[in-house]
PDB file of N, CA and C in Angstrom:
ATOM      1  N   UNK A   1      95.382  56.080 154.440  1.00  0.00           N
ATOM      2  CA  UNK A   1      95.815  57.460 154.213  1.00  0.00           C
ATOM      3  C   UNK A   1      94.705  58.449 154.557  1.00  0.00           C
ATOM      4  N   UNK A   2      93.470  58.133 154.158  1.00  0.00           N
ATOM      5  CA  UNK A   2      92.354  59.038 154.439  1.00  0.00           C
ATOM      6  C   UNK A   2      92.166  59.191 155.944  1.00  0.00           C
ATOM      7  N   UNK A   3      92.257  58.075 156.677  1.00  0.00           N
ATOM      8  CA  UNK A   3      92.090  58.137 158.129  1.00  0.00           C
ATOM      9  C   UNK A   3      93.175  59.012 158.752  1.00  0.00           C
ATOM     10  N   UNK A   4      94.401  58.876 158.254  1.00  0.00           N
ATOM     11  CA  UNK A   4      95.497  59.707 158.770  1.00  0.00           C
ATOM     12  C   UNK A   4      95.235  61.181 158.497  1.00  0.00           C
ATOM     13  N   UNK A   5      94.737  61.480 157.315  1.00  0.00           N
ATOM     14  CA  UNK A   5      94.455  62.873 156.957  1.00  0.00           C
ATOM     15  C   UNK A   5      93.367  63.452 157.855  1.00  0.00           C
ATOM     16  N   UNK A   6      92.306  62.680 158.099  1.00  0.00           N
ATOM     17  CA  UNK A   6      91.237  63.157 158.986  1.00  0.00           C
ATOM     18  C   UNK A   6      91.744  63.314 160.415  1.00  0.00           C
ATOM     19  N   UNK A   7      92.604  62.384 160.852  1.00  0.00           N
ATOM     20  CA  UNK A   7      93.157  62.466 162.204  1.00  0.00           C
ATOM     21  C   UNK A   7      93.985  63.745 162.350  1.00  0.00           C
ATOM     22  N   UNK A   8      94.768  64.052 161.332  1.00  0.00           N
ATOM     23  CA  UNK A   8      95.576  65.273 161.351  1.00  0.00           C
ATOM     24  C   UNK A   8      94.674  66.510 161.336  1.00  0.00           C
ATOM     25  N   UNK A   9      93.639  66.476 160.493  1.00  0.00           N
ATOM     26  CA  UNK A   9      92.695  67.590 160.422  1.00  0.00           C
ATOM     27  C   UNK A   9      92.023  67.801 161.782  1.00  0.00           C
ATOM     28  N   UNK A  10      91.639  66.715 162.436  1.00  0.00           N
ATOM     29  CA  UNK A  10      91.000  66.799 163.745  1.00  0.00           C
ATOM     30  C   UNK A  10      91.957  67.403 164.767  1.00  0.00           C
ATOM     31  N   UNK A  11      93.191  66.934 164.762  1.00  0.00           N
ATOM     32  CA  UNK A  11      94.190  67.444 165.704  1.00  0.00           C
ATOM     33  C   UNK A  11      94.393  68.949 165.518  1.00  0.00           C
ATOM     34  N   UNK A  12      94.535  69.376 164.272  1.00  0.00           N
ATOM     35  CA  UNK A  12      94.740  70.804 164.003  1.00  0.00           C
ATOM     36  C   UNK A  12      93.504  71.623 164.384  1.00  0.00           C
ATOM     37  N   UNK A  13      92.327  71.101 164.097  1.00  0.00           N
ATOM     38  CA  UNK A  13      91.090  71.809 164.438  1.00  0.00           C
ATOM     39  C   UNK A  13      90.960  71.961 165.951  1.00  0.00           C
ATOM     40  N   UNK A  14      91.359  70.920 166.691  1.00  0.00           N
ATOM     41  CA  UNK A  14      91.317  71.002 168.154  1.00  0.00           C
ATOM     42  C   UNK A  14      92.329  72.024 168.663  1.00  0.00           C
ATOM     43  N   UNK A  15      93.526  72.030 168.071  1.00  0.00           N
ATOM     44  CA  UNK A  15      94.544  73.007 168.470  1.00  0.00           C
ATOM     45  C   UNK A  15      94.078  74.439 168.226  1.00  0.00           C
ATOM     46  N   UNK A  16      93.345  74.629 167.133  1.00  0.00           N
ATOM     47  CA  UNK A  16      92.851  75.960 166.788  1.00  0.00           C
ATOM     48  C   UNK A  16      91.590  76.339 167.559  1.00  0.00           C
ATOM     49  N   UNK A  17      91.084  75.417 168.360  1.00  0.00           N
ATOM     50  CA  UNK A  17      89.895  75.706 169.156  1.00  0.00           C
ATOM     51  C   UNK A  17      88.629  75.844 168.331  1.00  0.00           C
ATOM     52  N   UNK A  18      88.533  75.070 167.258  1.00  0.00           N
ATOM     53  CA  UNK A  18      87.346  75.132 166.399  1.00  0.00           C
ATOM     54  C   UNK A  18      86.113  74.718 167.196  1.00  0.00           C
ATOM     55  N   UNK A  19      84.943  75.227 166.817  1.00  0.00           N
ATOM     56  CA  UNK A  19      83.715  74.921 167.568  1.00  0.00           C
ATOM     57  C   UNK A  19      83.307  73.449 167.459  1.00  0.00           C
ATOM     58  N   UNK A  20      82.539  73.002 168.458  1.00  0.00           N
ATOM     59  CA  UNK A  20      82.096  71.615 168.533  1.00  0.00           C
ATOM     60  C   UNK A  20      81.474  71.067 167.266  1.00  0.00           C
ATOM     61  N   UNK A  21      80.518  71.790 166.651  1.00  0.00           N
ATOM     62  CA  UNK A  21      79.897  71.250 165.438  1.00  0.00           C
ATOM     63  C   UNK A  21      80.901  70.998 164.306  1.00  0.00           C
ATOM     64  N   UNK A  22      81.916  71.835 164.225  1.00  0.00           N
ATOM     65  CA  UNK A  22      82.941  71.641 163.189  1.00  0.00           C
ATOM     66  C   UNK A  22      83.773  70.389 163.488  1.00  0.00           C
ATOM     67  N   UNK A  23      84.113  70.198 164.764  1.00  0.00           N
ATOM     68  CA  UNK A  23      84.853  68.998 165.159  1.00  0.00           C
ATOM     69  C   UNK A  23      83.996  67.750 164.945  1.00  0.00           C
ATOM     70  N   UNK A  24      82.691  67.870 165.197  1.00  0.00           N
ATOM     71  CA  UNK A  24      81.780  66.733 165.027  1.00  0.00           C
ATOM     72  C   UNK A  24      81.793  66.233 163.587  1.00  0.00           C
ATOM     73  N   UNK A  25      81.822  67.150 162.631  1.00  0.00           N
ATOM     74  CA  UNK A  25      81.843  66.767 161.214  1.00  0.00           C
ATOM     75  C   UNK A  25      83.101  65.953 160.904  1.00  0.00           C
ATOM     76  N   UNK A  26      84.221  66.360 161.475  1.00  0.00           N
ATOM     77  CA  UNK A  26      85.474  65.633 161.247  1.00  0.00           C
ATOM     78  C   UNK A  26      85.394  64.242 161.883  1.00  0.00           C
ATOM     79  N   UNK A  27      84.818  64.173 163.088  1.00  0.00           N
ATOM     80  CA  UNK A  27      84.663  62.871 163.747  1.00  0.00           C
ATOM     81  C   UNK A  27      83.816  61.926 162.897  1.00  0.00           C
ATOM     82  N   UNK A  28      82.746  62.445 162.279  1.00  0.00           N
ATOM     83  CA  UNK A  28      81.891  61.607 161.428  1.00  0.00           C
ATOM     84  C   UNK A  28      82.680  61.098 160.229  1.00  0.00           C
ATOM     85  N   UNK A  29      83.428  61.979 159.599  1.00  0.00           N
ATOM     86  CA  UNK A  29      84.232  61.568 158.441  1.00  0.00           C
ATOM     87  C   UNK A  29      85.246  60.503 158.838  1.00  0.00           C
ATOM     88  N   UNK A  30      85.870  60.707 159.984  1.00  0.00           N
ATOM     89  CA  UNK A  30      86.853  59.741 160.472  1.00  0.00           C
ATOM     90  C   UNK A  30      86.172  58.413 160.816  1.00  0.00           C
ATOM     91  N   UNK A  31      85.025  58.470 161.466  1.00  0.00           N
ATOM     92  CA  UNK A  31      84.290  57.248 161.819  1.00  0.00           C
ATOM     93  C   UNK A  31      83.887  56.472 160.571  1.00  0.00           C
ATOM     94  N   UNK A  32      83.392  57.178 159.571  1.00  0.00           N
ATOM     95  CA  UNK A  32      82.975  56.531 158.326  1.00  0.00           C
ATOM     96  C   UNK A  32      84.165  55.850 157.648  1.00  0.00           C
ATOM     97  N   UNK A  33      85.287  56.559 157.601  1.00  0.00           N
ATOM     98  CA  UNK A  33      86.496  56.007 156.989  1.00  0.00           C
ATOM     99  C   UNK A  33      86.982  54.779 157.753  1.00  0.00           C
ATOM    100  N   UNK A  34      86.999  54.866 159.083  1.00  0.00           N
ATOM    101  CA  UNK A  34      87.433  53.724 159.891  1.00  0.00           C
ATOM    102  C   UNK A  34      86.492  52.533 159.698  1.00  0.00           C
ATOM    103  N   UNK A  35      85.199  52.802 159.578  1.00  0.00           N
ATOM    104  CA  UNK A  35      84.244  51.729 159.305  1.00  0.00           C
ATOM    105  C   UNK A  35      84.535  51.057 157.978  1.00  0.00           C
ATOM    106  N   UNK A  36      84.844  51.869 156.970  1.00  0.00           N
ATOM    107  CA  UNK A  36      85.196  51.313 155.660  1.00  0.00           C
ATOM    108  C   UNK A  36      86.449  50.441 155.741  1.00  0.00           C
ATOM    109  N   UNK A  37      87.331  50.788 156.677  1.00  0.00           N
ATOM    110  CA  UNK A  37      88.570  50.032 156.872  1.00  0.00           C
ATOM    111  C   UNK A  37      88.371  48.841 157.822  1.00  0.00           C
ATOM    112  N   UNK A  38      87.131  48.616 158.245  1.00  0.00           N
ATOM    113  CA  UNK A  38      86.762  47.517 159.156  1.00  0.00           C
ATOM    114  C   UNK A  38      87.327  47.695 160.559  1.00  0.00           C
ATOM    115  N   UNK A  39      87.636  48.940 160.926  1.00  0.00           N
ATOM    116  CA  UNK A  39      88.090  49.243 162.286  1.00  0.00           C
ATOM    117  C   UNK A  39      86.879  49.791 163.050  1.00  0.00           C
ATOM    118  N   UNK A  40      85.932  48.893 163.321  1.00  0.00           N
ATOM    119  CA  UNK A  40      84.622  49.306 163.818  1.00  0.00           C
ATOM    120  C   UNK A  40      84.653  49.866 165.237  1.00  0.00           C
ATOM    121  N   UNK A  41      85.511  49.337 166.092  1.00  0.00           N
ATOM    122  CA  UNK A  41      85.550  49.850 167.460  1.00  0.00           C
ATOM    123  C   UNK A  41      86.058  51.294 167.495  1.00  0.00           C
ATOM    124  N   UNK A  42      87.056  51.601 166.693  1.00  0.00           N
ATOM    125  CA  UNK A  42      87.523  52.991 166.631  1.00  0.00           C
ATOM    126  C   UNK A  42      86.467  53.880 165.985  1.00  0.00           C
ATOM    127  N   UNK A  43      85.733  53.346 165.018  1.00  0.00           N
ATOM    128  CA  UNK A  43      84.646  54.115 164.395  1.00  0.00           C
ATOM    129  C   UNK A  43      83.613  54.487 165.448  1.00  0.00           C
ATOM    130  N   UNK A  44      83.237  53.526 166.293  1.00  0.00           N
ATOM    131  CA  UNK A  44      82.261  53.791 167.357  1.00  0.00           C
ATOM    132  C   UNK A  44      82.760  54.903 168.270  1.00  0.00           C
ATOM    133  N   UNK A  45      84.027  54.870 168.599  1.00  0.00           N
ATOM    134  CA  UNK A  45      84.602  55.900 169.466  1.00  0.00           C
ATOM    135  C   UNK A  45      84.414  57.295 168.865  1.00  0.00           C
ATOM    136  N   UNK A  46      84.601  57.417 167.566  1.00  0.00           N
ATOM    137  CA  UNK A  46      84.444  58.728 166.925  1.00  0.00           C
ATOM    138  C   UNK A  46      82.974  59.120 166.794  1.00  0.00           C
ATOM    139  N   UNK A  47      82.090  58.143 166.592  1.00  0.00           N
ATOM    140  CA  UNK A  47      80.656  58.465 166.598  1.00  0.00           C
ATOM    141  C   UNK A  47      80.230  58.955 167.986  1.00  0.00           C
ATOM    142  N   UNK A  48      80.791  58.345 169.034  1.00  0.00           N
ATOM    143  CA  UNK A  48      80.473  58.778 170.394  1.00  0.00           C
ATOM    144  C   UNK A  48      80.980  60.196 170.649  1.00  0.00           C
ATOM    145  N   UNK A  49      82.154  60.512 170.108  1.00  0.00           N
ATOM    146  CA  UNK A  49      82.665  61.882 170.218  1.00  0.00           C
ATOM    147  C   UNK A  49      81.724  62.854 169.516  1.00  0.00           C
ATOM    148  N   UNK A  50      81.219  62.447 168.357  1.00  0.00           N
ATOM    149  CA  UNK A  50      80.272  63.299 167.634  1.00  0.00           C
ATOM    150  C   UNK A  50      79.047  63.581 168.493  1.00  0.00           C
ATOM    151  N   UNK A  51      78.521  62.552 169.163  1.00  0.00           N
ATOM    152  CA  UNK A  51      77.354  62.739 170.029  1.00  0.00           C
ATOM    153  C   UNK A  51      77.630  63.775 171.109  1.00  0.00           C
ATOM    154  N   UNK A  52      78.796  63.700 171.718  1.00  0.00           N
ATOM    155  CA  UNK A  52      79.145  64.647 172.784  1.00  0.00           C
ATOM    156  C   UNK A  52      79.248  66.077 172.260  1.00  0.00           C
ATOM    157  N   UNK A  53      79.738  66.221 171.040  1.00  0.00           N
ATOM    158  CA  UNK A  53      79.964  67.557 170.484  1.00  0.00           C
ATOM    159  C   UNK A  53      78.721  68.171 169.857  1.00  0.00           C
ATOM    160  N   UNK A  54      77.771  67.334 169.443  1.00  0.00           N
ATOM    161  CA  UNK A  54      76.656  67.841 168.661  1.00  0.00           C
ATOM    162  C   UNK A  54      75.306  67.547 169.315  1.00  0.00           C
ATOM    163  N   UNK A  55      75.270  67.346 170.606  1.00  0.00           N
ATOM    164  CA  UNK A  55      74.030  66.986 171.281  1.00  0.00           C
ATOM    165  C   UNK A  55      72.927  68.016 171.076  1.00  0.00           C
ATOM    166  N   UNK A  56      71.692  67.528 171.149  1.00  0.00           N
ATOM    167  CA  UNK A  56      70.562  68.438 171.089  1.00  0.00           C
ATOM    168  C   UNK A  56      69.730  68.358 169.831  1.00  0.00           C
ATOM    169  N   UNK A  57      70.264  67.823 168.754  1.00  0.00           N
ATOM    170  CA  UNK A  57      69.518  67.690 167.503  1.00  0.00           C
ATOM    171  C   UNK A  57      69.059  66.235 167.401  1.00  0.00           C
ATOM    172  N   UNK A  58      67.761  66.012 167.617  1.00  0.00           N
ATOM    173  CA  UNK A  58      67.232  64.648 167.693  1.00  0.00           C
ATOM    174  C   UNK A  58      67.489  63.850 166.417  1.00  0.00           C
ATOM    175  N   UNK A  59      67.355  64.485 165.263  1.00  0.00           N
ATOM    176  CA  UNK A  59      67.580  63.770 164.006  1.00  0.00           C
ATOM    177  C   UNK A  59      69.039  63.339 163.878  1.00  0.00           C
ATOM    178  N   UNK A  60      69.960  64.254 164.153  1.00  0.00           N
ATOM    179  CA  UNK A  60      71.393  63.920 164.089  1.00  0.00           C
ATOM    180  C   UNK A  60      71.727  62.809 165.080  1.00  0.00           C
ATOM    181  N   UNK A  61      71.163  62.918 166.286  1.00  0.00           N
ATOM    182  CA  UNK A  61      71.440  61.904 167.302  1.00  0.00           C
ATOM    183  C   UNK A  61      70.896  60.545 166.884  1.00  0.00           C
ATOM    184  N   UNK A  62      69.713  60.519 166.283  1.00  0.00           N
ATOM    185  CA  UNK A  62      69.128  59.254 165.817  1.00  0.00           C
ATOM    186  C   UNK A  62      70.042  58.598 164.794  1.00  0.00           C
ATOM    187  N   UNK A  63      70.518  59.376 163.848  1.00  0.00           N
ATOM    188  CA  UNK A  63      71.387  58.823 162.810  1.00  0.00           C
ATOM    189  C   UNK A  63      72.714  58.345 163.395  1.00  0.00           C
ATOM    190  N   UNK A  64      73.228  59.095 164.362  1.00  0.00           N
ATOM    191  CA  UNK A  64      74.493  58.699 164.977  1.00  0.00           C
ATOM    192  C   UNK A  64      74.325  57.421 165.796  1.00  0.00           C
ATOM    193  N   UNK A  65      73.240  57.329 166.574  1.00  0.00           N
ATOM    194  CA  UNK A  65      72.999  56.099 167.341  1.00  0.00           C
ATOM    195  C   UNK A  65      72.830  54.905 166.416  1.00  0.00           C
ATOM    196  N   UNK A  66      72.173  55.107 165.273  1.00  0.00           N
ATOM    197  CA  UNK A  66      72.038  54.017 164.305  1.00  0.00           C
ATOM    198  C   UNK A  66      73.414  53.619 163.770  1.00  0.00           C
ATOM    199  N   UNK A  67      74.251  54.604 163.461  1.00  0.00           N
ATOM    200  CA  UNK A  67      75.614  54.308 162.995  1.00  0.00           C
ATOM    201  C   UNK A  67      76.406  53.537 164.054  1.00  0.00           C
ATOM    202  N   UNK A  68      76.232  53.918 165.320  1.00  0.00           N
ATOM    203  CA  UNK A  68      76.919  53.212 166.406  1.00  0.00           C
ATOM    204  C   UNK A  68      76.441  51.761 166.462  1.00  0.00           C
ATOM    205  N   UNK A  69      75.125  51.572 166.388  1.00  0.00           N
ATOM    206  CA  UNK A  69      74.571  50.214 166.438  1.00  0.00           C
ATOM    207  C   UNK A  69      75.095  49.363 165.285  1.00  0.00           C
ATOM    208  N   UNK A  70      75.093  49.933 164.087  1.00  0.00           N
ATOM    209  CA  UNK A  70      75.544  49.177 162.915  1.00  0.00           C
ATOM    210  C   UNK A  70      77.040  48.876 162.988  1.00  0.00           C
ATOM    211  N   UNK A  71      77.826  49.830 163.489  1.00  0.00           N
ATOM    212  CA  UNK A  71      79.267  49.598 163.637  1.00  0.00           C
ATOM    213  C   UNK A  71      79.534  48.519 164.676  1.00  0.00           C
ATOM    214  N   UNK A  72      78.799  48.575 165.780  1.00  0.00           N
ATOM    215  CA  UNK A  72      78.965  47.553 166.820  1.00  0.00           C
ATOM    216  C   UNK A  72      78.562  46.176 166.292  1.00  0.00           C
ATOM    217  N   UNK A  73      77.501  46.158 165.478  1.00  0.00           N
ATOM    218  CA  UNK A  73      77.083  44.887 164.881  1.00  0.00           C
ATOM    219  C   UNK A  73      78.193  44.336 163.984  1.00  0.00           C
ATOM    220  N   UNK A  74      78.769  45.204 163.150  1.00  0.00           N
ATOM    221  CA  UNK A  74      79.869  44.789 162.265  1.00  0.00           C
ATOM    222  C   UNK A  74      81.070  44.295 163.069  1.00  0.00           C
ATOM    223  N   UNK A  75      81.273  44.874 164.250  1.00  0.00           N
ATOM    224  CA  UNK A  75      82.397  44.474 165.099  1.00  0.00           C
ATOM    225  C   UNK A  75      82.133  43.145 165.796  1.00  0.00           C
ATOM    226  N   UNK A  76      80.890  42.664 165.717  1.00  0.00           N
ATOM    227  CA  UNK A  76      80.562  41.393 166.344  1.00  0.00           C
ATOM    228  C   UNK A  76      80.141  41.514 167.793  1.00  0.00           C
ATOM    229  N   UNK A  77      79.734  42.701 168.217  1.00  0.00           N
ATOM    230  CA  UNK A  77      79.310  42.891 169.601  1.00  0.00           C
ATOM    231  C   UNK A  77      78.041  42.092 169.892  1.00  0.00           C
ATOM    232  N   UNK A  78      77.830  41.812 171.159  1.00  0.00           N
ATOM    233  CA  UNK A  78      76.684  41.018 171.602  1.00  0.00           C
ATOM    234  C   UNK A  78      75.389  41.817 171.490  1.00  0.00           C
ATOM    235  N   UNK A  79      74.290  41.085 171.436  1.00  0.00           N
ATOM    236  CA  UNK A  79      72.961  41.701 171.338  1.00  0.00           C
ATOM    237  C   UNK A  79      72.734  42.708 172.469  1.00  0.00           C
ATOM    238  N   UNK A  80      73.212  42.373 173.668  1.00  0.00           N
ATOM    239  CA  UNK A  80      73.018  43.253 174.828  1.00  0.00           C
ATOM    240  C   UNK A  80      73.678  44.616 174.631  1.00  0.00           C
ATOM    241  N   UNK A  81      74.692  44.676 173.798  1.00  0.00           N
ATOM    242  CA  UNK A  81      75.347  45.951 173.498  1.00  0.00           C
ATOM    243  C   UNK A  81      74.667  46.673 172.340  1.00  0.00           C
ATOM    244  N   UNK A  82      74.056  45.913 171.445  1.00  0.00           N
ATOM    245  CA  UNK A  82      73.422  46.501 170.265  1.00  0.00           C
ATOM    246  C   UNK A  82      72.046  47.079 170.570  1.00  0.00           C
ATOM    247  N   UNK A  83      71.239  46.333 171.306  1.00  0.00           N
ATOM    248  CA  UNK A  83      69.844  46.726 171.526  1.00  0.00           C
ATOM    249  C   UNK A  83      69.697  48.132 172.106  1.00  0.00           C
ATOM    250  N   UNK A  84      70.473  48.519 173.139  1.00  0.00           N
ATOM    251  CA  UNK A  84      70.310  49.882 173.665  1.00  0.00           C
ATOM    252  C   UNK A  84      70.630  50.968 172.632  1.00  0.00           C
ATOM    253  N   UNK A  85      71.562  50.702 171.748  1.00  0.00           N
ATOM    254  CA  UNK A  85      71.900  51.682 170.704  1.00  0.00           C
ATOM    255  C   UNK A  85      70.731  51.851 169.740  1.00  0.00           C
ATOM    256  N   UNK A  86      70.130  50.731 169.345  1.00  0.00           N
ATOM    257  CA  UNK A  86      68.954  50.809 168.472  1.00  0.00           C
ATOM    258  C   UNK A  86      67.804  51.520 169.187  1.00  0.00           C
ATOM    259  N   UNK A  87      67.633  51.238 170.485  1.00  0.00           N
ATOM    260  CA  UNK A  87      66.547  51.872 171.239  1.00  0.00           C
ATOM    261  C   UNK A  87      66.755  53.383 171.337  1.00  0.00           C
ATOM    262  N   UNK A  88      67.987  53.813 171.564  1.00  0.00           N
ATOM    263  CA  UNK A  88      68.276  55.253 171.618  1.00  0.00           C
ATOM    264  C   UNK A  88      68.051  55.886 170.257  1.00  0.00           C
ATOM    265  N   UNK A  89      68.455  55.191 169.198  1.00  0.00           N
ATOM    266  CA  UNK A  89      68.227  55.703 167.840  1.00  0.00           C
ATOM    267  C   UNK A  89      66.736  55.861 167.586  1.00  0.00           C
ATOM    268  N   UNK A  90      65.958  54.859 167.974  1.00  0.00           N
ATOM    269  CA  UNK A  90      64.512  54.902 167.766  1.00  0.00           C
ATOM    270  C   UNK A  90      63.873  56.032 168.561  1.00  0.00           C
ATOM    271  N   UNK A  91      64.274  56.187 169.796  1.00  0.00           N
ATOM    272  CA  UNK A  91      63.731  57.257 170.637  1.00  0.00           C
ATOM    273  C   UNK A  91      64.010  58.631 170.028  1.00  0.00           C
ATOM    274  N   UNK A  92      65.221  58.838 169.559  1.00  0.00           N
ATOM    275  CA  UNK A  92      65.576  60.123 168.933  1.00  0.00           C
ATOM    276  C   UNK A  92      64.806  60.329 167.630  1.00  0.00           C
ATOM    277  N   UNK A  93      64.633  59.273 166.852  1.00  0.00           N
ATOM    278  CA  UNK A  93      63.885  59.379 165.595  1.00  0.00           C
ATOM    279  C   UNK A  93      62.420  59.710 165.866  1.00  0.00           C
ATOM    280  N   UNK A  94      61.873  59.147 166.948  1.00  0.00           N
ATOM    281  CA  UNK A  94      60.499  59.473 167.337  1.00  0.00           C
ATOM    282  C   UNK A  94      60.405  60.936 167.754  1.00  0.00           C
ATOM    283  N   UNK A  95      61.382  61.383 168.532  1.00  0.00           N
ATOM    284  CA  UNK A  95      61.420  62.775 168.978  1.00  0.00           C
ATOM    285  C   UNK A  95      61.533  63.721 167.784  1.00  0.00           C
ATOM    286  N   UNK A  96      62.289  63.311 166.771  1.00  0.00           N
ATOM    287  CA  UNK A  96      62.467  64.130 165.565  1.00  0.00           C
ATOM    288  C   UNK A  96      61.276  64.004 164.614  1.00  0.00           C
ATOM    289  N   UNK A  97      60.343  63.124 164.957  1.00  0.00           N
ATOM    290  CA  UNK A  97      59.148  62.890 164.140  1.00  0.00           C
ATOM    291  C   UNK A  97      59.522  62.491 162.710  1.00  0.00           C
ATOM    292  N   UNK A  98      60.372  61.471 162.620  1.00  0.00           N
ATOM    293  CA  UNK A  98      60.846  60.953 161.337  1.00  0.00           C
ATOM    294  C   UNK A  98      60.428  59.495 161.184  1.00  0.00           C
ATOM    295  N   UNK A  99      59.201  59.246 160.706  1.00  0.00           N
ATOM    296  CA  UNK A  99      58.707  57.869 160.615  1.00  0.00           C
ATOM    297  C   UNK A  99      59.537  56.968 159.704  1.00  0.00           C
ATOM    298  N   UNK A 100      60.078  57.496 158.617  1.00  0.00           N
ATOM    299  CA  UNK A 100      60.891  56.648 157.727  1.00  0.00           C
ATOM    300  C   UNK A 100      62.151  56.167 158.434  1.00  0.00           C
ATOM    301  N   UNK A 101      62.771  57.059 159.198  1.00  0.00           N
ATOM    302  CA  UNK A 101      63.966  56.677 159.943  1.00  0.00           C
ATOM    303  C   UNK A 101      63.596  55.676 161.039  1.00  0.00           C
ATOM    304  N   UNK A 102      62.452  55.883 161.689  1.00  0.00           N
ATOM    305  CA  UNK A 102      61.993  54.935 162.708  1.00  0.00           C
ATOM    306  C   UNK A 102      61.848  53.542 162.095  1.00  0.00           C
ATOM    307  N   UNK A 103      61.243  53.494 160.912  1.00  0.00           N
ATOM    308  CA  UNK A 103      61.046  52.218 160.220  1.00  0.00           C
ATOM    309  C   UNK A 103      62.392  51.564 159.897  1.00  0.00           C
ATOM    310  N   UNK A 104      63.331  52.359 159.402  1.00  0.00           N
ATOM    311  CA  UNK A 104      64.662  51.842 159.062  1.00  0.00           C
ATOM    312  C   UNK A 104      65.343  51.255 160.309  1.00  0.00           C
ATOM    313  N   UNK A 105      65.258  51.969 161.415  1.00  0.00           N
ATOM    314  CA  UNK A 105      65.873  51.500 162.665  1.00  0.00           C
ATOM    315  C   UNK A 105      65.228  50.190 163.112  1.00  0.00           C
ATOM    316  N   UNK A 106      63.893  50.141 163.068  1.00  0.00           N
ATOM    317  CA  UNK A 106      63.182  48.932 163.482  1.00  0.00           C
ATOM    318  C   UNK A 106      63.518  47.747 162.576  1.00  0.00           C
ATOM    319  N   UNK A 107      63.691  47.997 161.287  1.00  0.00           N
ATOM    320  CA  UNK A 107      64.063  46.921 160.367  1.00  0.00           C
ATOM    321  C   UNK A 107      65.445  46.364 160.709  1.00  0.00           C
ATOM    322  N   UNK A 108      66.384  47.264 161.001  1.00  0.00           N
ATOM    323  CA  UNK A 108      67.729  46.806 161.383  1.00  0.00           C
ATOM    324  C   UNK A 108      67.677  46.028 162.699  1.00  0.00           C
ATOM    325  N   UNK A 109      66.928  46.557 163.672  1.00  0.00           N
ATOM    326  CA  UNK A 109      66.812  45.882 164.967  1.00  0.00           C
ATOM    327  C   UNK A 109      66.193  44.498 164.789  1.00  0.00           C
ATOM    328  N   UNK A 110      65.168  44.402 163.971  1.00  0.00           N
ATOM    329  CA  UNK A 110      64.516  43.112 163.738  1.00  0.00           C
ATOM    330  C   UNK A 110      65.489  42.118 163.097  1.00  0.00           C
ATOM    331  N   UNK A 111      66.267  42.575 162.139  1.00  0.00           N
ATOM    332  CA  UNK A 111      67.256  41.699 161.497  1.00  0.00           C
ATOM    333  C   UNK A 111      68.277  41.197 162.520  1.00  0.00           C
ATOM    334  N   UNK A 112      68.701  42.076 163.416  1.00  0.00           N
ATOM    335  CA  UNK A 112      69.648  41.681 164.463  1.00  0.00           C
ATOM    336  C   UNK A 112      68.990  40.675 165.403  1.00  0.00           C
ATOM    337  N   UNK A 113      67.727  40.928 165.760  1.00  0.00           N
ATOM    338  CA  UNK A 113      67.015  39.991 166.636  1.00  0.00           C
ATOM    339  C   UNK A 113      66.886  38.617 165.979  1.00  0.00           C
ATOM    340  N   UNK A 114      66.561  38.601 164.696  1.00  0.00           N
ATOM    341  CA  UNK A 114      66.430  37.321 163.993  1.00  0.00           C
ATOM    342  C   UNK A 114      67.740  36.544 164.005  1.00  0.00           C
ATOM    343  N   UNK A 115      68.837  37.279 163.880  1.00  0.00           N
ATOM    344  CA  UNK A 115      70.142  36.633 163.813  1.00  0.00           C
ATOM    345  C   UNK A 115      70.666  36.237 165.193  1.00  0.00           C
ATOM    346  N   UNK A 116      70.494  37.121 166.187  1.00  0.00           N
ATOM    347  CA  UNK A 116      71.120  36.898 167.493  1.00  0.00           C
ATOM    348  C   UNK A 116      70.153  36.437 168.582  1.00  0.00           C
ATOM    349  N   UNK A 117      68.892  36.782 168.445  1.00  0.00           N
ATOM    350  CA  UNK A 117      67.882  36.436 169.453  1.00  0.00           C
ATOM    351  C   UNK A 117      66.573  36.045 168.782  1.00  0.00           C
ATOM    352  N   UNK A 118      66.546  34.963 168.036  1.00  0.00           N
ATOM    353  CA  UNK A 118      65.340  34.631 167.266  1.00  0.00           C
ATOM    354  C   UNK A 118      64.087  34.480 168.123  1.00  0.00           C
ATOM    355  N   UNK A 119      64.247  34.104 169.399  1.00  0.00           N
ATOM    356  CA  UNK A 119      63.079  33.948 170.256  1.00  0.00           C
ATOM    357  C   UNK A 119      62.408  35.290 170.558  1.00  0.00           C
ATOM    358  N   UNK A 120      63.110  36.415 170.370  1.00  0.00           N
ATOM    359  CA  UNK A 120      62.548  37.740 170.645  1.00  0.00           C
ATOM    360  C   UNK A 120      62.007  38.412 169.392  1.00  0.00           C
ATOM    361  N   UNK A 121      62.330  37.898 168.220  1.00  0.00           N
ATOM    362  CA  UNK A 121      61.994  38.590 166.968  1.00  0.00           C
ATOM    363  C   UNK A 121      60.532  38.543 166.621  1.00  0.00           C
TER     364      UNK A 121
END
């Protein structure tokens, strides 16, 4: 029900020509809800929409790339699909000068490497 409500809200906001940042917030809410429902591929799609609508803020982009990586991991995607997402998240976190976020991203990447590519960890 929550996903349907967000989808309807997004549709109406698009019809009304709401600005990109406002649409981005709805996409994040929808992505989070879809992730909770274990619909990880659709969640990734909405996180990607958020990136397109809200580009330019390194901190926001870092968090979104991390969300994409974690959603793809939950979906069972291969390491080759996960690693670039973590790398983009790390690059944005470095640009935003957020060492705690950098550490969090590296910890997640290391856990993925241990699980999927132990020879690289």
